[in-house]
Amino acid sequence: VKGKSFPNFCPTGPVIRTLDDIEDHNNLNMWLDVNGKRCQTGNTGTM
């Protein structure tokens, strides 16, 4: 918790989407770029 709790360490959103509006929440692609370079690529299927 010590390394997780500084202000603005939890950007959240833009939307909350209800489960009935998501076809398969166990198969959602995820990604993150830093300065335009792709760093993270994943899928909720590997949870």
ModelCIF file with pLDDT and N, C-alpha, C, O atoms, coordinates in Angstrom:
data_MODEL
#
_entry.id   MODEL 
#
_entity.id                         1 
_entity.type                       polymer 
_entity.pdbx_number_of_molecules   1 
#
_entity_poly.entity_id                      1 
_entity_poly.type                           'polypeptide(L)' 
_entity_poly.nstd_linkage                   no 
_entity_poly.nstd_monomer                   no 
_entity_poly.pdbx_seq_one_letter_code       VKGKSFPNFCPTGPVIRTLDDIEDHNNLNMWLDVNGKRCQTGNTGTM 
_entity_poly.pdbx_seq_one_letter_code_can   VKGKSFPNFCPTGPVIRTLDDIEDHNNLNMWLDVNGKRCQTGNTGTM 
_entity_poly.pdbx_strand_id                 A 
#
loop_
_entity_poly_seq.entity_id 
_entity_poly_seq.num 
_entity_poly_seq.mon_id 
_entity_poly_seq.hetero 
1 1  VAL n 
1 2  LYS n 
1 3  GLY n 
1 4  LYS n 
1 5  SER n 
1 6  PHE n 
1 7  PRO n 
1 8  ASN n 
1 9  PHE n 
1 10 CYS n 
1 11 PRO n 
1 12 THR n 
1 13 GLY n 
1 14 PRO n 
1 15 VAL n 
1 16 ILE n 
1 17 ARG n 
1 18 THR n 
1 19 LEU n 
1 20 ASP n 
1 21 ASP n 
1 22 ILE n 
1 23 GLU n 
1 24 ASP n 
1 25 HIS n 
1 26 ASN n 
1 27 ASN n 
1 28 LEU n 
1 29 ASN n 
1 30 MET n 
1 31 TRP n 
1 32 LEU n 
1 33 ASP n 
1 34 VAL n 
1 35 ASN n 
1 36 GLY n 
1 37 LYS n 
1 38 ARG n 
1 39 CYS n 
1 40 GLN n 
1 41 THR n 
1 42 GLY n 
1 43 ASN n 
1 44 THR n 
1 45 GLY n 
1 46 THR n 
1 47 MET n 
#
_struct_asym.id          A 
_struct_asym.entity_id   1 
#
loop_
_ma_qa_metric.id 
_ma_qa_metric.mode 
_ma_qa_metric.name 
_ma_qa_metric.software_group_id 
_ma_qa_metric.type 
1 global pLDDT . pLDDT 
2 local  pLDDT . pLDDT 
#
_ma_qa_metric_global.metric_id      1 
_ma_qa_metric_global.metric_value   97.15 
_ma_qa_metric_global.model_id       1 
_ma_qa_metric_global.ordinal_id     1 
#
loop_
_ma_qa_metric_local.label_asym_id 
_ma_qa_metric_local.label_comp_id 
_ma_qa_metric_local.label_seq_id 
_ma_qa_metric_local.metric_id 
_ma_qa_metric_local.metric_value 
_ma_qa_metric_local.model_id 
_ma_qa_metric_local.ordinal_id 
A VAL 1  2 94.00 1 1  
A LYS 2  2 95.00 1 2  
A GLY 3  2 96.00 1 3  
A LYS 4  2 97.00 1 4  
A SER 5  2 97.00 1 5  
A PHE 6  2 98.00 1 6  
A PRO 7  2 97.00 1 7  
A ASN 8  2 98.00 1 8  
A PHE 9  2 98.00 1 9  
A CYS 10 2 98.00 1 10 
A PRO 11 2 98.00 1 11 
A THR 12 2 98.00 1 12 
A GLY 13 2 98.00 1 13 
A PRO 14 2 98.00 1 14 
A VAL 15 2 98.00 1 15 
A ILE 16 2 98.00 1 16 
A ARG 17 2 98.00 1 17 
A THR 18 2 97.00 1 18 
A LEU 19 2 97.00 1 19 
A ASP 20 2 95.00 1 20 
A ASP 21 2 96.00 1 21 
A ILE 22 2 97.00 1 22 
A GLU 23 2 95.00 1 23 
A ASP 24 2 97.00 1 24 
A HIS 25 2 97.00 1 25 
A ASN 26 2 97.00 1 26 
A ASN 27 2 97.00 1 27 
A LEU 28 2 98.00 1 28 
A ASN 29 2 98.00 1 29 
A MET 30 2 98.00 1 30 
A TRP 31 2 98.00 1 31 
A LEU 32 2 98.00 1 32 
A ASP 33 2 98.00 1 33 
A VAL 34 2 98.00 1 34 
A ASN 35 2 98.00 1 35 
A GLY 36 2 98.00 1 36 
A LYS 37 2 98.00 1 37 
A ARG 38 2 98.00 1 38 
A CYS 39 2 98.00 1 39 
A GLN 40 2 97.00 1 40 
A THR 41 2 97.00 1 41 
A GLY 42 2 96.00 1 42 
A ASN 43 2 97.00 1 43 
A THR 44 2 97.00 1 44 
A GLY 45 2 96.00 1 45 
A THR 46 2 95.00 1 46 
A MET 47 2 96.00 1 47 
#
loop_
_atom_site.group_PDB 
_atom_site.id 
_atom_site.type_symbol 
_atom_site.label_atom_id 
_atom_site.label_alt_id 
_atom_site.label_comp_id 
_atom_site.label_asym_id 
_atom_site.label_entity_id 
_atom_site.label_seq_id 
_atom_site.pdbx_PDB_ins_code 
_atom_site.Cartn_x 
_atom_site.Cartn_y 
_atom_site.Cartn_z 
_atom_site.occupancy 
_atom_site.B_iso_or_equiv 
_atom_site.pdbx_formal_charge 
_atom_site.auth_seq_id 
_atom_site.auth_comp_id 
_atom_site.auth_asym_id 
_atom_site.auth_atom_id 
_atom_site.pdbx_PDB_model_num 
ATOM 1   N N  . VAL A 1 1  ? 0.828   -1.213  0.000   1.00 94.00 ? 1  VAL A N  1 
ATOM 2   C CA . VAL A 1 1  ? 0.000   0.000   0.000   1.00 94.00 ? 1  VAL A CA 1 
ATOM 3   C C  . VAL A 1 1  ? 0.861   1.262   0.000   1.00 94.00 ? 1  VAL A C  1 
ATOM 4   O O  . VAL A 1 1  ? 0.440   2.303   -0.505  1.00 94.00 ? 1  VAL A O  1 
ATOM 5   N N  . LYS A 1 2  ? 2.054   1.172   0.560   1.00 95.00 ? 2  LYS A N  1 
ATOM 6   C CA . LYS A 1 2  ? 2.943   2.339   0.644   1.00 95.00 ? 2  LYS A CA 1 
ATOM 7   C C  . LYS A 1 2  ? 3.303   2.870   -0.742  1.00 95.00 ? 2  LYS A C  1 
ATOM 8   O O  . LYS A 1 2  ? 3.400   4.082   -0.936  1.00 95.00 ? 2  LYS A O  1 
ATOM 9   N N  . GLY A 1 3  ? 3.501   1.967   -1.705  1.00 96.00 ? 3  GLY A N  1 
ATOM 10  C CA . GLY A 1 3  ? 3.876   2.380   -3.050  1.00 96.00 ? 3  GLY A CA 1 
ATOM 11  C C  . GLY A 1 3  ? 2.710   2.597   -3.988  1.00 96.00 ? 3  GLY A C  1 
ATOM 12  O O  . GLY A 1 3  ? 2.898   2.821   -5.184  1.00 96.00 ? 3  GLY A O  1 
ATOM 13  N N  . LYS A 1 4  ? 1.490   2.531   -3.441  1.00 97.00 ? 4  LYS A N  1 
ATOM 14  C CA . LYS A 1 4  ? 0.288   2.587   -4.274  1.00 97.00 ? 4  LYS A CA 1 
ATOM 15  C C  . LYS A 1 4  ? -0.629  3.758   -3.954  1.00 97.00 ? 4  LYS A C  1 
ATOM 16  O O  . LYS A 1 4  ? -1.664  3.916   -4.602  1.00 97.00 ? 4  LYS A O  1 
ATOM 17  N N  . SER A 1 5  ? -0.275  4.588   -2.963  1.00 97.00 ? 5  SER A N  1 
ATOM 18  C CA . SER A 1 5  ? -1.283  5.449   -2.357  1.00 97.00 ? 5  SER A CA 1 
ATOM 19  C C  . SER A 1 5  ? -1.057  6.947   -2.496  1.00 97.00 ? 5  SER A C  1 
ATOM 20  O O  . SER A 1 5  ? -1.716  7.729   -1.811  1.00 97.00 ? 5  SER A O  1 
ATOM 21  N N  . PHE A 1 6  ? -0.142  7.367   -3.366  1.00 98.00 ? 6  PHE A N  1 
ATOM 22  C CA . PHE A 1 6  ? 0.077   8.807   -3.565  1.00 98.00 ? 6  PHE A CA 1 
ATOM 23  C C  . PHE A 1 6  ? -1.124  9.397   -4.317  1.00 98.00 ? 6  PHE A C  1 
ATOM 24  O O  . PHE A 1 6  ? -1.759  8.693   -5.102  1.00 98.00 ? 6  PHE A O  1 
ATOM 25  N N  . PRO A 1 7  ? -1.443  10.681  -4.088  1.00 97.00 ? 7  PRO A N  1 
ATOM 26  C CA . PRO A 1 7  ? -2.556  11.298  -4.828  1.00 97.00 ? 7  PRO A CA 1 
ATOM 27  C C  . PRO A 1 7  ? -2.416  11.106  -6.346  1.00 97.00 ? 7  PRO A C  1 
ATOM 28  O O  . PRO A 1 7  ? -1.317  11.177  -6.897  1.00 97.00 ? 7  PRO A O  1 
ATOM 29  N N  . ASN A 1 8  ? -3.545  10.864  -6.996  1.00 98.00 ? 8  ASN A N  1 
ATOM 30  C CA . ASN A 1 8  ? -3.649  10.672  -8.448  1.00 98.00 ? 8  ASN A CA 1 
ATOM 31  C C  . ASN A 1 8  ? -2.991  9.372   -8.923  1.00 98.00 ? 8  ASN A C  1 
ATOM 32  O O  . ASN A 1 8  ? -2.645  9.249   -10.098 1.00 98.00 ? 8  ASN A O  1 
ATOM 33  N N  . PHE A 1 9  ? -2.818  8.415   -8.029  1.00 98.00 ? 9  PHE A N  1 
ATOM 34  C CA . PHE A 1 9  ? -2.264  7.117   -8.411  1.00 98.00 ? 9  PHE A CA 1 
ATOM 35  C C  . PHE A 1 9  ? -3.349  6.142   -8.875  1.00 98.00 ? 9  PHE A C  1 
ATOM 36  O O  . PHE A 1 9  ? -3.076  4.952   -9.036  1.00 98.00 ? 9  PHE A O  1 
ATOM 37  N N  . CYS A 1 10 ? -4.590  6.634   -9.093  1.00 98.00 ? 10 CYS A N  1 
ATOM 38  C CA . CYS A 1 10 ? -5.660  5.737   -9.549  1.00 98.00 ? 10 CYS A CA 1 
ATOM 39  C C  . CYS A 1 10 ? -6.566  6.432   -10.564 1.00 98.00 ? 10 CYS A C  1 
ATOM 40  O O  . CYS A 1 10 ? -7.755  6.607   -10.297 1.00 98.00 ? 10 CYS A O  1 
ATOM 41  N N  . PRO A 1 11 ? -6.035  6.833   -11.726 1.00 98.00 ? 11 PRO A N  1 
ATOM 42  C CA . PRO A 1 11 ? -6.918  7.370   -12.772 1.00 98.00 ? 11 PRO A CA 1 
ATOM 43  C C  . PRO A 1 11 ? -7.969  6.324   -13.158 1.00 98.00 ? 11 PRO A C  1 
ATOM 44  O O  . PRO A 1 11 ? -7.636  5.172   -13.437 1.00 98.00 ? 11 PRO A O  1 
ATOM 45  N N  . THR A 1 12 ? -9.240  6.738   -13.172 1.00 98.00 ? 12 THR A N  1 
ATOM 46  C CA . THR A 1 12 ? -10.343 5.804   -13.360 1.00 98.00 ? 12 THR A CA 1 
ATOM 47  C C  . THR A 1 12 ? -11.335 6.357   -14.381 1.00 98.00 ? 12 THR A C  1 
ATOM 48  O O  . THR A 1 12 ? -11.713 7.526   -14.311 1.00 98.00 ? 12 THR A O  1 
ATOM 49  N N  . GLY A 1 13 ? -11.752 5.527   -15.317 1.00 98.00 ? 13 GLY A N  1 
ATOM 50  C CA . GLY A 1 13 ? -12.729 5.932   -16.321 1.00 98.00 ? 13 GLY A CA 1 
ATOM 51  C C  . GLY A 1 13 ? -12.167 5.817   -17.721 1.00 98.00 ? 13 GLY A C  1 
ATOM 52  O O  . GLY A 1 13 ? -11.091 5.247   -17.903 1.00 98.00 ? 13 GLY A O  1 
ATOM 53  N N  . PRO A 1 14 ? -12.864 6.342   -18.718 1.00 98.00 ? 14 PRO A N  1 
ATOM 54  C CA . PRO A 1 14 ? -13.914 7.352   -18.621 1.00 98.00 ? 14 PRO A CA 1 
ATOM 55  C C  . PRO A 1 14 ? -15.312 6.864   -18.255 1.00 98.00 ? 14 PRO A C  1 
ATOM 56  O O  . PRO A 1 14 ? -16.121 7.643   -17.750 1.00 98.00 ? 14 PRO A O  1 
ATOM 57  N N  . VAL A 1 15 ? -15.620 5.557   -18.505 1.00 98.00 ? 15 VAL A N  1 
ATOM 58  C CA . VAL A 1 15 ? -16.984 5.085   -18.292 1.00 98.00 ? 15 VAL A CA 1 
ATOM 59  C C  . VAL A 1 15 ? -16.986 3.870   -17.379 1.00 98.00 ? 15 VAL A C  1 
ATOM 60  O O  . VAL A 1 15 ? -16.006 3.130   -17.294 1.00 98.00 ? 15 VAL A O  1 
ATOM 61  N N  . ILE A 1 16 ? -18.113 3.684   -16.698 1.00 98.00 ? 16 ILE A N  1 
ATOM 62  C CA . ILE A 1 16 ? -18.459 2.384   -16.120 1.00 98.00 ? 16 ILE A CA 1 
ATOM 63  C C  . ILE A 1 16 ? -19.449 1.756   -17.079 1.00 98.00 ? 16 ILE A C  1 
ATOM 64  O O  . ILE A 1 16 ? -20.485 2.344   -17.387 1.00 98.00 ? 16 ILE A O  1 
ATOM 65  N N  . ARG A 1 17 ? -19.131 0.564   -17.551 1.00 98.00 ? 17 ARG A N  1 
ATOM 66  C CA . ARG A 1 17 ? -20.020 -0.130  -18.488 1.00 98.00 ? 17 ARG A CA 1 
ATOM 67  C C  . ARG A 1 17 ? -20.610 -1.346  -17.793 1.00 98.00 ? 17 ARG A C  1 
ATOM 68  O O  . ARG A 1 17 ? -19.874 -2.164  -17.241 1.00 98.00 ? 17 ARG A O  1 
ATOM 69  N N  . THR A 1 18 ? -21.931 -1.472  -17.815 1.00 97.00 ? 18 THR A N  1 
ATOM 70  C CA . THR A 1 18 ? -22.577 -2.580  -17.135 1.00 97.00 ? 18 THR A CA 1 
ATOM 71  C C  . THR A 1 18 ? -22.288 -3.893  -17.857 1.00 97.00 ? 18 THR A C  1 
ATOM 72  O O  . THR A 1 18 ? -22.068 -3.921  -19.068 1.00 97.00 ? 18 THR A O  1 
ATOM 73  N N  . LEU A 1 19 ? -22.295 -4.983  -17.081 1.00 97.00 ? 19 LEU A N  1 
ATOM 74  C CA . LEU A 1 19 ? -21.907 -6.279  -17.631 1.00 97.00 ? 19 LEU A CA 1 
ATOM 75  C C  . LEU A 1 19 ? -22.814 -6.727  -18.769 1.00 97.00 ? 19 LEU A C  1 
ATOM 76  O O  . LEU A 1 19 ? -22.358 -7.397  -19.696 1.00 97.00 ? 19 LEU A O  1 
ATOM 77  N N  . ASP A 1 20 ? -24.109 -6.360  -18.707 1.00 95.00 ? 20 ASP A N  1 
ATOM 78  C CA . ASP A 1 20 ? -25.021 -6.787  -19.767 1.00 95.00 ? 20 ASP A CA 1 
ATOM 79  C C  . ASP A 1 20 ? -24.745 -6.086  -21.088 1.00 95.00 ? 20 ASP A C  1 
ATOM 80  O O  . ASP A 1 20 ? -25.311 -6.450  -22.119 1.00 95.00 ? 20 ASP A O  1 
ATOM 81  N N  . ASP A 1 21 ? -23.872 -5.076  -21.060 1.00 96.00 ? 21 ASP A N  1 
ATOM 82  C CA . ASP A 1 21 ? -23.524 -4.321  -22.265 1.00 96.00 ? 21 ASP A CA 1 
ATOM 83  C C  . ASP A 1 21 ? -22.149 -4.734  -22.800 1.00 96.00 ? 21 ASP A C  1 
ATOM 84  O O  . ASP A 1 21 ? -21.639 -4.129  -23.742 1.00 96.00 ? 21 ASP A O  1 
ATOM 85  N N  . ILE A 1 22 ? -21.549 -5.774  -22.191 1.00 97.00 ? 22 ILE A N  1 
ATOM 86  C CA . ILE A 1 22 ? -20.231 -6.270  -22.602 1.00 97.00 ? 22 ILE A CA 1 
ATOM 87  C C  . ILE A 1 22 ? -20.394 -7.713  -23.069 1.00 97.00 ? 22 ILE A C  1 
ATOM 88  O O  . ILE A 1 22 ? -20.896 -8.558  -22.328 1.00 97.00 ? 22 ILE A O  1 
ATOM 89  N N  . GLU A 1 23 ? -19.974 -7.989  -24.289 1.00 95.00 ? 23 GLU A N  1 
ATOM 90  C CA . GLU A 1 23 ? -20.200 -9.312  -24.864 1.00 95.00 ? 23 GLU A CA 1 
ATOM 91  C C  . GLU A 1 23 ? -19.485 -10.404 -24.074 1.00 95.00 ? 23 GLU A C  1 
ATOM 92  O O  . GLU A 1 23 ? -20.085 -11.430 -23.753 1.00 95.00 ? 23 GLU A O  1 
ATOM 93  N N  . ASP A 1 24 ? -18.216 -10.192 -23.760 1.00 97.00 ? 24 ASP A N  1 
ATOM 94  C CA . ASP A 1 24 ? -17.447 -11.201 -23.016 1.00 97.00 ? 24 ASP A CA 1 
ATOM 95  C C  . ASP A 1 24 ? -16.343 -10.503 -22.231 1.00 97.00 ? 24 ASP A C  1 
ATOM 96  O O  . ASP A 1 24 ? -15.299 -10.161 -22.785 1.00 97.00 ? 24 ASP A O  1 
ATOM 97  N N  . HIS A 1 25 ? -16.582 -10.295 -20.931 1.00 97.00 ? 25 HIS A N  1 
ATOM 98  C CA . HIS A 1 25 ? -15.594 -9.563  -20.136 1.00 97.00 ? 25 HIS A CA 1 
ATOM 99  C C  . HIS A 1 25 ? -14.343 -10.404 -19.865 1.00 97.00 ? 25 HIS A C  1 
ATOM 100 O O  . HIS A 1 25 ? -13.355 -9.895  -19.335 1.00 97.00 ? 25 HIS A O  1 
ATOM 101 N N  . ASN A 1 26 ? -14.384 -11.692 -20.228 1.00 97.00 ? 26 ASN A N  1 
ATOM 102 C CA . ASN A 1 26 ? -13.201 -12.540 -20.103 1.00 97.00 ? 26 ASN A CA 1 
ATOM 103 C C  . ASN A 1 26 ? -12.355 -12.557 -21.375 1.00 97.00 ? 26 ASN A C  1 
ATOM 104 O O  . ASN A 1 26 ? -11.439 -13.370 -21.502 1.00 97.00 ? 26 ASN A O  1 
ATOM 105 N N  . ASN A 1 27 ? -12.661 -11.662 -22.314 1.00 97.00 ? 27 ASN A N  1 
ATOM 106 C CA . ASN A 1 27 ? -11.897 -11.578 -23.559 1.00 97.00 ? 27 ASN A CA 1 
ATOM 107 C C  . ASN A 1 27 ? -11.831 -10.130 -24.035 1.00 97.00 ? 27 ASN A C  1 
ATOM 108 O O  . ASN A 1 27 ? -12.329 -9.793  -25.109 1.00 97.00 ? 27 ASN A O  1 
ATOM 109 N N  . LEU A 1 28 ? -11.214 -9.285  -23.225 1.00 98.00 ? 28 LEU A N  1 
ATOM 110 C CA . LEU A 1 28 ? -11.066 -7.870  -23.547 1.00 98.00 ? 28 LEU A CA 1 
ATOM 111 C C  . LEU A 1 28 ? -9.590  -7.546  -23.748 1.00 98.00 ? 28 LEU A C  1 
ATOM 112 O O  . LEU A 1 28 ? -8.759  -7.837  -22.887 1.00 98.00 ? 28 LEU A O  1 
ATOM 113 N N  . ASN A 1 29 ? -9.272  -6.945  -24.883 1.00 98.00 ? 29 ASN A N  1 
ATOM 114 C CA . ASN A 1 29 ? -7.896  -6.535  -25.142 1.00 98.00 ? 29 ASN A CA 1 
ATOM 115 C C  . ASN A 1 29 ? -7.548  -5.305  -24.321 1.00 98.00 ? 29 ASN A C  1 
ATOM 116 O O  . ASN A 1 29 ? -8.384  -4.427  -24.108 1.00 98.00 ? 29 ASN A O  1 
ATOM 117 N N  . MET A 1 30 ? -6.286  -5.253  -23.858 1.00 98.00 ? 30 MET A N  1 
ATOM 118 C CA . MET A 1 30 ? -5.787  -4.166  -23.025 1.00 98.00 ? 30 MET A CA 1 
ATOM 119 C C  . MET A 1 30 ? -4.462  -3.681  -23.598 1.00 98.00 ? 30 MET A C  1 
ATOM 120 O O  . MET A 1 30 ? -3.709  -4.468  -24.171 1.00 98.00 ? 30 MET A O  1 
ATOM 121 N N  . TRP A 1 31 ? -4.171  -2.388  -23.447 1.00 98.00 ? 31 TRP A N  1 
ATOM 122 C CA . TRP A 1 31 ? -2.908  -1.862  -23.957 1.00 98.00 ? 31 TRP A CA 1 
ATOM 123 C C  . TRP A 1 31 ? -2.512  -0.603  -23.195 1.00 98.00 ? 31 TRP A C  1 
ATOM 124 O O  . TRP A 1 31 ? -3.354  0.067   -22.597 1.00 98.00 ? 31 TRP A O  1 
ATOM 125 N N  . LEU A 1 32 ? -1.225  -0.292  -23.226 1.00 98.00 ? 32 LEU A N  1 
ATOM 126 C CA . LEU A 1 32 ? -0.721  0.945   -22.628 1.00 98.00 ? 32 LEU A CA 1 
ATOM 127 C C  . LEU A 1 32 ? 0.524   1.392   -23.382 1.00 98.00 ? 32 LEU A C  1 
ATOM 128 O O  . LEU A 1 32 ? 1.414   0.588   -23.658 1.00 98.00 ? 32 LEU A O  1 
ATOM 129 N N  . ASP A 1 33 ? 0.580   2.687   -23.715 1.00 98.00 ? 33 ASP A N  1 
ATOM 130 C CA . ASP A 1 33 ? 1.718   3.296   -24.400 1.00 98.00 ? 33 ASP A CA 1 
ATOM 131 C C  . ASP A 1 33 ? 2.367   4.339   -23.495 1.00 98.00 ? 33 ASP A C  1 
ATOM 132 O O  . ASP A 1 33 ? 1.683   5.041   -22.750 1.00 98.00 ? 33 ASP A O  1 
ATOM 133 N N  . VAL A 1 34 ? 3.683   4.432   -23.567 1.00 98.00 ? 34 VAL A N  1 
ATOM 134 C CA . VAL A 1 34 ? 4.419   5.501   -22.899 1.00 98.00 ? 34 VAL A CA 1 
ATOM 135 C C  . VAL A 1 34 ? 5.163   6.284   -23.982 1.00 98.00 ? 34 VAL A C  1 
ATOM 136 O O  . VAL A 1 34 ? 5.990   5.732   -24.707 1.00 98.00 ? 34 VAL A O  1 
ATOM 137 N N  . ASN A 1 35 ? 4.854   7.574   -24.077 1.00 98.00 ? 35 ASN A N  1 
ATOM 138 C CA . ASN A 1 35 ? 5.448   8.450   -25.092 1.00 98.00 ? 35 ASN A CA 1 
ATOM 139 C C  . ASN A 1 35 ? 5.311   7.854   -26.496 1.00 98.00 ? 35 ASN A C  1 
ATOM 140 O O  . ASN A 1 35 ? 6.238   7.907   -27.304 1.00 98.00 ? 35 ASN A O  1 
ATOM 141 N N  . GLY A 1 36 ? 4.128   7.284   -26.765 1.00 98.00 ? 36 GLY A N  1 
ATOM 142 C CA . GLY A 1 36 ? 3.828   6.749   -28.075 1.00 98.00 ? 36 GLY A CA 1 
ATOM 143 C C  . GLY A 1 36 ? 4.365   5.368   -28.361 1.00 98.00 ? 36 GLY A C  1 
ATOM 144 O O  . GLY A 1 36 ? 4.145   4.841   -29.451 1.00 98.00 ? 36 GLY A O  1 
ATOM 145 N N  . LYS A 1 37 ? 5.063   4.764   -27.416 1.00 98.00 ? 37 LYS A N  1 
ATOM 146 C CA . LYS A 1 37 ? 5.627   3.422   -27.600 1.00 98.00 ? 37 LYS A CA 1 
ATOM 147 C C  . LYS A 1 37 ? 4.780   2.401   -26.842 1.00 98.00 ? 37 LYS A C  1 
ATOM 148 O O  . LYS A 1 37 ? 4.523   2.560   -25.649 1.00 98.00 ? 37 LYS A O  1 
ATOM 149 N N  . ARG A 1 38 ? 4.351   1.356   -27.542 1.00 98.00 ? 38 ARG A N  1 
ATOM 150 C CA . ARG A 1 38 ? 3.544   0.324   -26.913 1.00 98.00 ? 38 ARG A CA 1 
ATOM 151 C C  . ARG A 1 38 ? 4.377   -0.447  -25.888 1.00 98.00 ? 38 ARG A C  1 
ATOM 152 O O  . ARG A 1 38 ? 5.403   -1.037  -26.228 1.00 98.00 ? 38 ARG A O  1 
ATOM 153 N N  . CYS A 1 39 ? 3.927   -0.437  -24.635 1.00 98.00 ? 39 CYS A N  1 
ATOM 154 C CA . CYS A 1 39 ? 4.613   -1.142  -23.551 1.00 98.00 ? 39 CYS A CA 1 
ATOM 155 C C  . CYS A 1 39 ? 3.834   -2.361  -23.076 1.00 98.00 ? 39 CYS A C  1 
ATOM 156 O O  . CYS A 1 39 ? 4.410   -3.424  -22.841 1.00 98.00 ? 39 CYS A O  1 
ATOM 157 N N  . GLN A 1 40 ? 2.521   -2.200  -22.936 1.00 97.00 ? 40 GLN A N  1 
ATOM 158 C CA . GLN A 1 40 ? 1.695   -3.305  -22.454 1.00 97.00 ? 40 GLN A CA 1 
ATOM 159 C C  . GLN A 1 40 ? 0.683   -3.715  -23.508 1.00 97.00 ? 40 GLN A C  1 
ATOM 160 O O  . GLN A 1 40 ? 0.009   -2.874  -24.102 1.00 97.00 ? 40 GLN A O  1 
ATOM 161 N N  . THR A 1 41 ? 0.587   -5.002  -23.730 1.00 97.00 ? 41 THR A N  1 
ATOM 162 C CA . THR A 1 41 ? -0.440  -5.608  -24.572 1.00 97.00 ? 41 THR A CA 1 
ATOM 163 C C  . THR A 1 41 ? -0.925  -6.851  -23.854 1.00 97.00 ? 41 THR A C  1 
ATOM 164 O O  . THR A 1 41 ? -0.125  -7.722  -23.512 1.00 97.00 ? 41 THR A O  1 
ATOM 165 N N  . GLY A 1 42 ? -2.216  -6.944  -23.623 1.00 96.00 ? 42 GLY A N  1 
ATOM 166 C CA . GLY A 1 42 ? -2.724  -8.091  -22.897 1.00 96.00 ? 42 GLY A CA 1 
ATOM 167 C C  . GLY A 1 42 ? -4.186  -8.330  -23.177 1.00 96.00 ? 42 GLY A C  1 
ATOM 168 O O  . GLY A 1 42 ? -4.798  -7.645  -23.997 1.00 96.00 ? 42 GLY A O  1 
ATOM 169 N N  . ASN A 1 43 ? -4.744  -9.311  -22.486 1.00 97.00 ? 43 ASN A N  1 
ATOM 170 C CA . ASN A 1 43 ? -6.149  -9.668  -22.641 1.00 97.00 ? 43 ASN A CA 1 
ATOM 171 C C  . ASN A 1 43 ? -6.637  -10.230 -21.313 1.00 97.00 ? 43 ASN A C  1 
ATOM 172 O O  . ASN A 1 43 ? -5.917  -10.960 -20.632 1.00 97.00 ? 43 ASN A O  1 
ATOM 173 N N  . THR A 1 44 ? -7.865  -9.882  -20.958 1.00 97.00 ? 44 THR A N  1 
ATOM 174 C CA . THR A 1 44 ? -8.403  -10.356 -19.688 1.00 97.00 ? 44 THR A CA 1 
ATOM 175 C C  . THR A 1 44 ? -8.524  -11.876 -19.643 1.00 97.00 ? 44 THR A C  1 
ATOM 176 O O  . THR A 1 44 ? -8.747  -12.447 -18.575 1.00 97.00 ? 44 THR A O  1 
ATOM 177 N N  . GLY A 1 45 ? -8.380  -12.536 -20.791 1.00 96.00 ? 45 GLY A N  1 
ATOM 178 C CA . GLY A 1 45 ? -8.409  -13.989 -20.824 1.00 96.00 ? 45 GLY A CA 1 
ATOM 179 C C  . GLY A 1 45 ? -7.247  -14.643 -20.114 1.00 96.00 ? 45 GLY A C  1 
ATOM 180 O O  . GLY A 1 45 ? -7.309  -15.832 -19.797 1.00 96.00 ? 45 GLY A O  1 
ATOM 181 N N  . THR A 1 46 ? -6.162  -13.877 -19.849 1.00 95.00 ? 46 THR A N  1 
ATOM 182 C CA . THR A 1 46 ? -5.028  -14.452 -19.120 1.00 95.00 ? 46 THR A CA 1 
ATOM 183 C C  . THR A 1 46 ? -5.069  -14.121 -17.628 1.00 95.00 ? 46 THR A C  1 
ATOM 184 O O  . THR A 1 46 ? -4.103  -14.372 -16.908 1.00 95.00 ? 46 THR A O  1 
ATOM 185 N N  . MET A 1 47 ? -6.191  -13.558 -17.165 1.00 96.00 ? 47 MET A N  1 
ATOM 186 C CA . MET A 1 47 ? -6.348  -13.365 -15.729 1.00 96.00 ? 47 MET A CA 1 
ATOM 187 C C  . MET A 1 47 ? -6.392  -14.712 -15.028 1.00 96.00 ? 47 MET A C  1 
ATOM 188 O O  . MET A 1 47 ? -6.520  -14.769 -13.805 1.00 96.00 ? 47 MET A O  1 
#
